[in-house]
Amino acid sequence: MTADHSPAAPGAPFSLVAVVVTHNRLEKLRDTLARLLEADAEVLQAVVVVDNVSTDGTGAWLAGQDDPRLVVLESAENLGGAGGFEWGMREAVTRFDPDWMVVMDDDARPDPGALAAFAALDKRDCEAVAAAVYFPGGAICEMNRPSRNPFWHRREFLRTVVGGRGGFHIAPADYRGQGRPVDVSSFVGLFVSRRAVELVGYPDGRLFVYGEDGLYTLGLSKAGGRIHFSPEVRFEHDCSTFQGRPGQFRPLWKVYYYHRNLLFLYRMAAGWMFWPVMLLILPKWLLKLRHHPGERGVFLRLLGWAVRDGLSGRVDRRHAEVLAAAG
């Protein structure tokens, strides 16, 4: 007899498991696990941590923790964020059979009371819930701002044509409202139901890093899954987005994954309009050369691979090859 994962009314019992992917950020992981494990066991049944071969003492520290809700998965190789989330979510379902999972990086964590706020939501009309994500100082975290697909919604499309990125991302006023439906969200504070898994499965671990969250949530929306942005569920993202000069990719190998996976996302989002969009974005990508003096040849090689593999749908290029190309 299979478990009943029907959506729950507000306050109805349900099971929730957190999935955290970590790599060499022990200081931040400590804070994240402390915040998660302070939640009542009736609200959060387990925390699955995927350790992507950390070399900073993370493994030893995790081995010394004694909370029975903590499950540690140690990878033999770096799976990237995408591979970590796929493995972690699969194991969470296999081991705990939860109604919901909540996913996050090691430098992101729920605000006190956020999981209780999620428990109080009426989740009967959605397959996923996106939290409101802020920097530690209280500003909205732009990289985690949910969005609507402008190619599916006429108003957002016109706003995007006029105003760019701001046309399809939810507005700051939405963070003070009652919430709204969205099409795309990040893997920071994303609550994924078992119904969502039934619709679209798990994230594609072959993507390695960048865009796996956008592709997963957009794919869920395309399959008929409903994602609700709930501003009362607040998360903190203690991230450092840029290193070195603004606009530079550090480490340089990220050039490949960022652009390849973005092409996959654009193709899914734009449909038949993908090729006209390509004519607009490729020149902008080439302009990024100005941020990489002294390494433009390497940048172009990685970008060329990204465009070729993105257009052909290739996801099997080995990470070691990308690292070697980046020098």
Protein backbone atom coordinates (compact mmCIF):
# COMPACT_ATOMS: atom_id res chain seq x y z
CA MET A 1 0.00 0.00 0.00
CA THR A 2 1.51 3.34 -1.06
CA ALA A 3 1.56 6.44 1.10
CA ASP A 4 -1.06 9.11 0.53
CA HIS A 5 0.69 12.29 -0.62
CA SER A 6 -2.48 14.29 -1.23
CA PRO A 7 -2.10 18.05 -0.70
CA ALA A 8 -2.78 19.17 2.84
CA ALA A 9 -5.16 21.77 4.17
CA PRO A 10 -3.72 24.45 6.47
CA GLY A 11 -2.50 22.86 9.68
CA ALA A 12 -3.03 19.28 8.47
CA PRO A 13 -0.25 16.78 9.22
CA PHE A 14 2.42 16.36 6.54
CA SER A 15 6.06 15.25 6.34
CA LEU A 16 8.95 17.49 5.28
CA VAL A 17 12.62 16.65 4.58
CA ALA A 18 15.35 19.22 3.86
CA VAL A 19 18.06 18.62 1.24
CA VAL A 20 21.31 20.62 1.53
CA VAL A 21 24.22 20.43 -0.93
CA THR A 22 27.64 21.50 0.36
CA HIS A 23 31.18 21.93 -0.94
CA ASN A 24 33.97 23.52 1.13
CA ARG A 25 31.83 26.00 3.05
CA LEU A 26 31.85 24.52 6.53
CA GLU A 27 31.39 27.84 8.31
CA LYS A 28 28.16 28.52 6.48
CA LEU A 29 26.99 24.91 6.60
CA ARG A 30 27.20 25.00 10.39
CA ASP A 31 24.83 27.96 10.52
CA THR A 32 22.45 26.36 8.02
CA LEU A 33 22.20 23.05 9.87
CA ALA A 34 21.79 24.80 13.22
CA ARG A 35 18.89 26.79 11.80
CA LEU A 36 17.26 23.73 10.24
CA LEU A 37 17.65 21.44 13.24
CA GLU A 38 16.23 23.99 15.64
CA ALA A 39 12.87 23.38 13.94
CA ASP A 40 10.49 21.04 15.75
CA ALA A 41 10.77 17.41 14.66
CA GLU A 42 7.05 17.45 13.91
CA VAL A 43 7.72 20.13 11.28
CA LEU A 44 11.02 18.85 9.85
CA GLN A 45 11.50 15.09 9.93
CA ALA A 46 15.03 14.87 8.48
CA VAL A 47 17.91 16.77 6.87
CA VAL A 48 19.83 15.12 4.03
CA VAL A 49 23.25 16.69 3.42
CA VAL A 50 25.17 15.89 0.24
CA ASP A 51 28.89 16.51 0.78
CA ASN A 52 30.54 17.07 -2.60
CA VAL A 53 34.04 15.89 -1.59
CA SER A 54 34.73 18.85 0.67
CA THR A 55 38.36 19.24 1.75
CA ASP A 56 37.89 21.82 4.52
CA GLY A 57 36.98 19.47 7.37
CA THR A 58 33.29 19.29 6.50
CA GLY A 59 33.25 15.48 6.47
CA ALA A 60 34.83 15.15 9.90
CA TRP A 61 32.53 17.79 11.37
CA LEU A 62 29.44 16.11 9.95
CA ALA A 63 30.61 12.73 11.27
CA GLY A 64 30.72 14.25 14.76
CA GLN A 65 27.09 15.39 14.75
CA ASP A 66 24.64 13.27 16.70
CA ASP A 67 21.21 14.58 15.73
CA PRO A 68 19.21 11.52 14.61
CA ARG A 69 17.49 13.56 11.92
CA LEU A 70 20.77 14.24 10.08
CA VAL A 71 21.67 12.00 7.12
CA VAL A 72 25.01 12.57 5.37
CA LEU A 73 25.71 11.42 1.80
CA GLU A 74 29.40 11.53 0.91
CA SER A 75 30.13 11.73 -2.79
CA ALA A 76 33.23 10.09 -4.24
CA GLU A 77 33.50 12.91 -6.81
CA ASN A 78 32.25 16.45 -7.16
CA LEU A 79 28.74 16.14 -8.61
CA GLY A 80 28.18 19.90 -8.74
CA GLY A 81 25.06 21.49 -7.36
CA ALA A 82 22.85 19.77 -9.92
CA GLY A 83 24.18 16.29 -9.20
CA GLY A 84 24.01 16.92 -5.48
CA PHE A 85 20.38 17.99 -5.58
CA GLU A 86 19.39 15.06 -7.77
CA TRP A 87 21.09 12.54 -5.46
CA GLY A 88 19.86 14.21 -2.29
CA MET A 89 16.25 14.40 -3.43
CA ARG A 90 16.25 10.80 -4.65
CA GLU A 91 17.64 9.59 -1.32
CA ALA A 92 15.16 11.71 0.64
CA VAL A 93 12.28 10.05 -1.19
CA THR A 94 13.76 6.56 -0.91
CA ARG A 95 14.54 6.80 2.80
CA PHE A 96 11.70 8.92 4.15
CA ASP A 97 8.89 8.99 1.56
CA PRO A 98 8.04 12.61 2.48
CA ASP A 99 5.09 14.66 1.30
CA TRP A 100 7.41 17.64 0.71
CA MET A 101 11.11 18.41 0.37
CA VAL A 102 12.80 21.79 0.79
CA VAL A 103 16.11 22.36 -1.00
CA MET A 104 18.92 24.84 -0.40
CA ASP A 105 22.65 25.45 -0.78
CA ASP A 106 24.96 25.30 2.24
CA ASP A 107 24.99 29.10 2.51
CA ALA A 108 21.19 29.43 2.61
CA ARG A 109 18.82 28.79 5.48
CA PRO A 110 15.24 29.43 6.64
CA ASP A 111 14.57 32.38 8.88
CA PRO A 112 13.38 31.39 12.38
CA GLY A 113 9.74 30.39 12.01
CA ALA A 114 9.90 29.97 8.22
CA LEU A 115 9.24 26.23 8.28
CA ALA A 116 6.33 26.74 10.66
CA ALA A 117 4.99 29.39 8.26
CA PHE A 118 5.21 26.87 5.44
CA ALA A 119 3.38 24.29 7.56
CA ALA A 120 0.54 26.75 8.04
CA LEU A 121 0.07 27.37 4.30
CA ASP A 122 -2.81 25.97 2.31
CA LYS A 123 -0.86 23.80 -0.13
CA ARG A 124 -3.80 22.19 -1.90
CA ASP A 125 -3.51 24.35 -5.02
CA CYS A 126 0.19 24.06 -5.77
CA GLU A 127 2.91 21.54 -6.45
CA ALA A 128 5.77 23.73 -5.24
CA VAL A 129 6.25 26.75 -2.99
CA ALA A 130 8.98 29.37 -3.49
CA ALA A 131 10.20 31.27 -0.44
CA ALA A 132 11.12 34.95 -0.30
CA VAL A 133 14.93 35.06 -0.18
CA TYR A 134 16.90 37.93 1.36
CA PHE A 135 20.54 38.80 1.97
CA PRO A 136 21.58 38.78 5.66
CA GLY A 137 21.27 42.58 5.69
CA GLY A 138 17.60 42.42 4.71
CA ALA A 139 17.79 43.34 1.01
CA ILE A 140 16.02 41.14 -1.52
CA CYS A 141 18.42 38.57 -2.97
CA GLU A 142 18.23 39.30 -6.70
CA MET A 143 19.68 35.98 -7.82
CA ASN A 144 16.86 34.15 -6.06
CA ARG A 145 13.98 36.33 -7.21
CA PRO A 146 11.27 34.09 -8.76
CA SER A 147 9.93 34.95 -12.19
CA ARG A 148 7.28 34.41 -14.80
CA ASN A 149 8.16 33.13 -18.25
CA PRO A 150 7.69 36.20 -20.52
CA PHE A 151 7.11 33.94 -23.53
CA TRP A 152 3.98 32.53 -21.87
CA HIS A 153 2.47 35.77 -20.59
CA ARG A 154 1.74 38.75 -22.83
CA ARG A 155 2.04 41.41 -20.12
CA GLU A 156 5.40 40.10 -18.88
CA PHE A 157 6.63 39.83 -22.46
CA LEU A 158 5.87 43.49 -23.18
CA ARG A 159 7.45 44.56 -19.89
CA THR A 160 10.57 42.56 -20.71
CA VAL A 161 10.88 44.14 -24.14
CA VAL A 162 10.74 47.57 -22.51
CA GLY A 163 12.53 46.99 -19.22
CA GLY A 164 14.64 43.87 -19.55
CA ARG A 165 15.07 41.56 -16.58
CA GLY A 166 12.72 43.55 -14.38
CA GLY A 167 9.87 42.82 -16.73
CA PHE A 168 9.54 39.16 -15.85
CA HIS A 169 10.89 38.89 -12.29
CA ILE A 170 8.40 39.47 -9.50
CA ALA A 171 8.36 43.01 -8.16
CA PRO A 172 9.56 44.14 -4.71
CA ALA A 173 5.94 44.91 -3.86
CA ASP A 174 5.15 41.20 -4.23
CA TYR A 175 7.37 40.54 -1.21
CA ARG A 176 4.87 42.47 0.87
CA GLY A 177 1.74 40.96 -0.68
CA GLN A 178 -0.24 37.77 -0.43
CA GLY A 179 1.90 35.81 -2.84
CA ARG A 180 1.37 34.94 -6.47
CA PRO A 181 1.93 32.19 -9.03
CA VAL A 182 5.35 32.01 -10.68
CA ASP A 183 6.89 29.82 -13.36
CA VAL A 184 10.56 29.73 -12.35
CA SER A 185 12.35 29.71 -9.01
CA SER A 186 15.76 28.93 -7.55
CA PHE A 187 16.81 26.04 -5.34
CA VAL A 188 17.10 28.29 -2.32
CA GLY A 189 14.00 27.80 -0.22
CA LEU A 190 12.08 25.84 -2.84
CA PHE A 191 9.56 23.40 -1.38
CA VAL A 192 8.88 20.53 -3.77
CA SER A 193 5.90 18.22 -3.32
CA ARG A 194 5.76 14.57 -4.21
CA ARG A 195 3.19 15.48 -6.83
CA ALA A 196 5.87 17.59 -8.49
CA VAL A 197 8.23 14.60 -8.51
CA GLU A 198 5.48 12.51 -10.09
CA LEU A 199 5.09 15.13 -12.82
CA VAL A 200 8.73 15.82 -13.76
CA GLY A 201 10.98 13.59 -11.68
CA TYR A 202 14.22 14.98 -10.29
CA PRO A 203 16.73 17.68 -11.33
CA ASP A 204 19.12 16.68 -14.10
CA GLY A 205 22.42 16.05 -12.32
CA ARG A 206 24.33 16.07 -15.62
CA LEU A 207 23.97 19.88 -15.74
CA PHE A 208 26.60 20.08 -12.96
CA VAL A 209 26.07 23.70 -11.94
CA TYR A 210 23.98 26.74 -12.93
CA GLY A 211 20.43 26.73 -14.19
CA GLU A 212 19.37 23.29 -12.95
CA ASP A 213 16.83 24.98 -10.69
CA GLY A 214 15.40 27.16 -13.46
CA LEU A 215 15.13 24.21 -15.83
CA TYR A 216 13.50 22.05 -13.17
CA THR A 217 10.91 24.59 -12.09
CA LEU A 218 10.15 25.77 -15.64
CA GLY A 219 9.77 22.13 -16.65
CA LEU A 220 7.37 21.64 -13.74
CA SER A 221 5.32 24.64 -14.84
CA LYS A 222 5.30 23.41 -18.44
CA ALA A 223 3.99 20.05 -17.24
CA GLY A 224 1.08 21.73 -15.47
CA GLY A 225 2.61 22.02 -12.01
CA ARG A 226 1.73 25.13 -10.05
CA ILE A 227 4.41 27.09 -8.17
CA HIS A 228 3.30 29.64 -5.58
CA PHE A 229 5.53 32.41 -4.28
CA SER A 230 4.80 32.79 -0.55
CA PRO A 231 6.44 35.90 0.96
CA GLU A 232 5.60 34.82 4.51
CA VAL A 233 8.13 31.98 4.14
CA ARG A 234 11.45 33.80 4.43
CA PHE A 235 14.96 32.50 3.72
CA GLU A 236 18.40 34.05 4.13
CA HIS A 237 21.11 33.60 1.48
CA ASP A 238 24.55 34.43 2.83
CA CYS A 239 26.19 34.29 -0.59
CA SER A 240 29.13 36.00 -2.22
CA THR A 241 28.10 36.22 -5.86
CA PHE A 242 31.14 37.86 -7.42
CA GLN A 243 34.83 37.40 -6.80
CA GLY A 244 37.47 39.55 -8.42
CA ARG A 245 36.35 42.27 -10.83
CA PRO A 246 32.60 42.76 -11.40
CA GLY A 247 31.40 40.73 -14.37
CA GLN A 248 34.26 38.23 -14.21
CA PHE A 249 33.68 34.50 -13.91
CA ARG A 250 35.68 33.04 -11.06
CA PRO A 251 36.74 30.28 -11.39
CA LEU A 252 36.88 30.66 -15.15
CA TRP A 253 35.49 27.17 -15.87
CA LYS A 254 32.06 28.46 -14.82
CA VAL A 255 31.87 30.27 -18.19
CA TYR A 256 31.07 26.93 -19.82
CA TYR A 257 28.27 25.74 -17.53
CA TYR A 258 26.64 29.13 -17.14
CA HIS A 259 26.20 29.73 -20.85
CA ARG A 260 25.47 26.15 -21.91
CA ASN A 261 22.73 25.68 -19.33
CA LEU A 262 21.30 29.11 -20.04
CA LEU A 263 20.83 28.04 -23.65
CA PHE A 264 18.87 25.01 -22.46
CA LEU A 265 16.70 27.33 -20.35
CA TYR A 266 16.14 29.81 -23.19
CA ARG A 267 15.12 27.00 -25.54
CA MET A 268 12.56 25.65 -23.08
CA ALA A 269 11.25 29.12 -22.25
CA ALA A 270 11.11 30.66 -25.74
CA GLY A 271 9.89 27.78 -27.90
CA TRP A 272 9.73 28.86 -31.55
CA MET A 273 11.16 32.28 -30.60
CA PHE A 274 14.44 30.72 -29.46
CA TRP A 275 16.41 31.53 -32.63
CA PRO A 276 15.48 35.24 -32.72
CA VAL A 277 16.44 35.39 -29.04
CA MET A 278 19.81 33.85 -29.90
CA LEU A 279 20.54 36.71 -32.29
CA LEU A 280 20.12 39.10 -29.38
CA ILE A 281 22.00 37.29 -26.67
CA LEU A 282 25.11 36.04 -28.48
CA PRO A 283 26.54 39.54 -29.12
CA LYS A 284 25.93 40.38 -25.44
CA TRP A 285 27.83 37.29 -24.39
CA LEU A 286 30.77 38.25 -26.59
CA LEU A 287 30.90 41.64 -24.92
CA LYS A 288 31.81 39.88 -21.68
CA LEU A 289 35.30 39.51 -23.13
CA ARG A 290 36.07 42.99 -21.83
CA HIS A 291 35.89 41.66 -18.26
CA HIS A 292 38.58 39.04 -18.94
CA PRO A 293 41.75 40.79 -20.12
CA GLY A 294 44.64 38.39 -20.51
CA GLU A 295 42.42 35.32 -20.72
CA ARG A 296 40.17 36.10 -23.66
CA GLY A 297 41.32 33.11 -25.67
CA VAL A 298 40.32 30.75 -22.87
CA PHE A 299 37.02 32.59 -22.40
CA LEU A 300 36.21 32.23 -26.10
CA ARG A 301 37.10 28.53 -26.09
CA LEU A 302 34.80 27.85 -23.15
CA LEU A 303 32.04 30.02 -24.58
CA GLY A 304 32.37 28.25 -27.95
CA TRP A 305 32.00 24.86 -26.28
CA ALA A 306 29.02 26.16 -24.31
CA VAL A 307 27.21 27.41 -27.41
CA ARG A 308 27.96 24.25 -29.41
CA ASP A 309 26.91 21.91 -26.61
CA GLY A 310 23.92 24.05 -25.69
CA LEU A 311 22.58 24.04 -29.22
CA SER A 312 23.17 20.30 -29.67
CA GLY A 313 21.81 19.38 -26.24
CA ARG A 314 25.05 17.80 -25.09
CA VAL A 315 25.33 17.19 -21.33
CA ASP A 316 28.04 14.52 -21.17
CA ARG A 317 31.19 16.65 -21.41
CA ARG A 318 33.36 15.67 -18.47
CA HIS A 319 34.13 18.24 -15.81
CA ALA A 320 37.83 17.33 -15.97
CA GLU A 321 37.86 18.40 -19.62
CA VAL A 322 36.26 21.74 -18.75
CA LEU A 323 38.79 22.30 -15.95
CA ALA A 324 41.69 21.52 -18.27
CA ALA A 325 40.39 23.93 -20.91
CA ALA A 326 40.10 26.67 -18.30
CA GLY A 327 43.72 26.14 -17.27
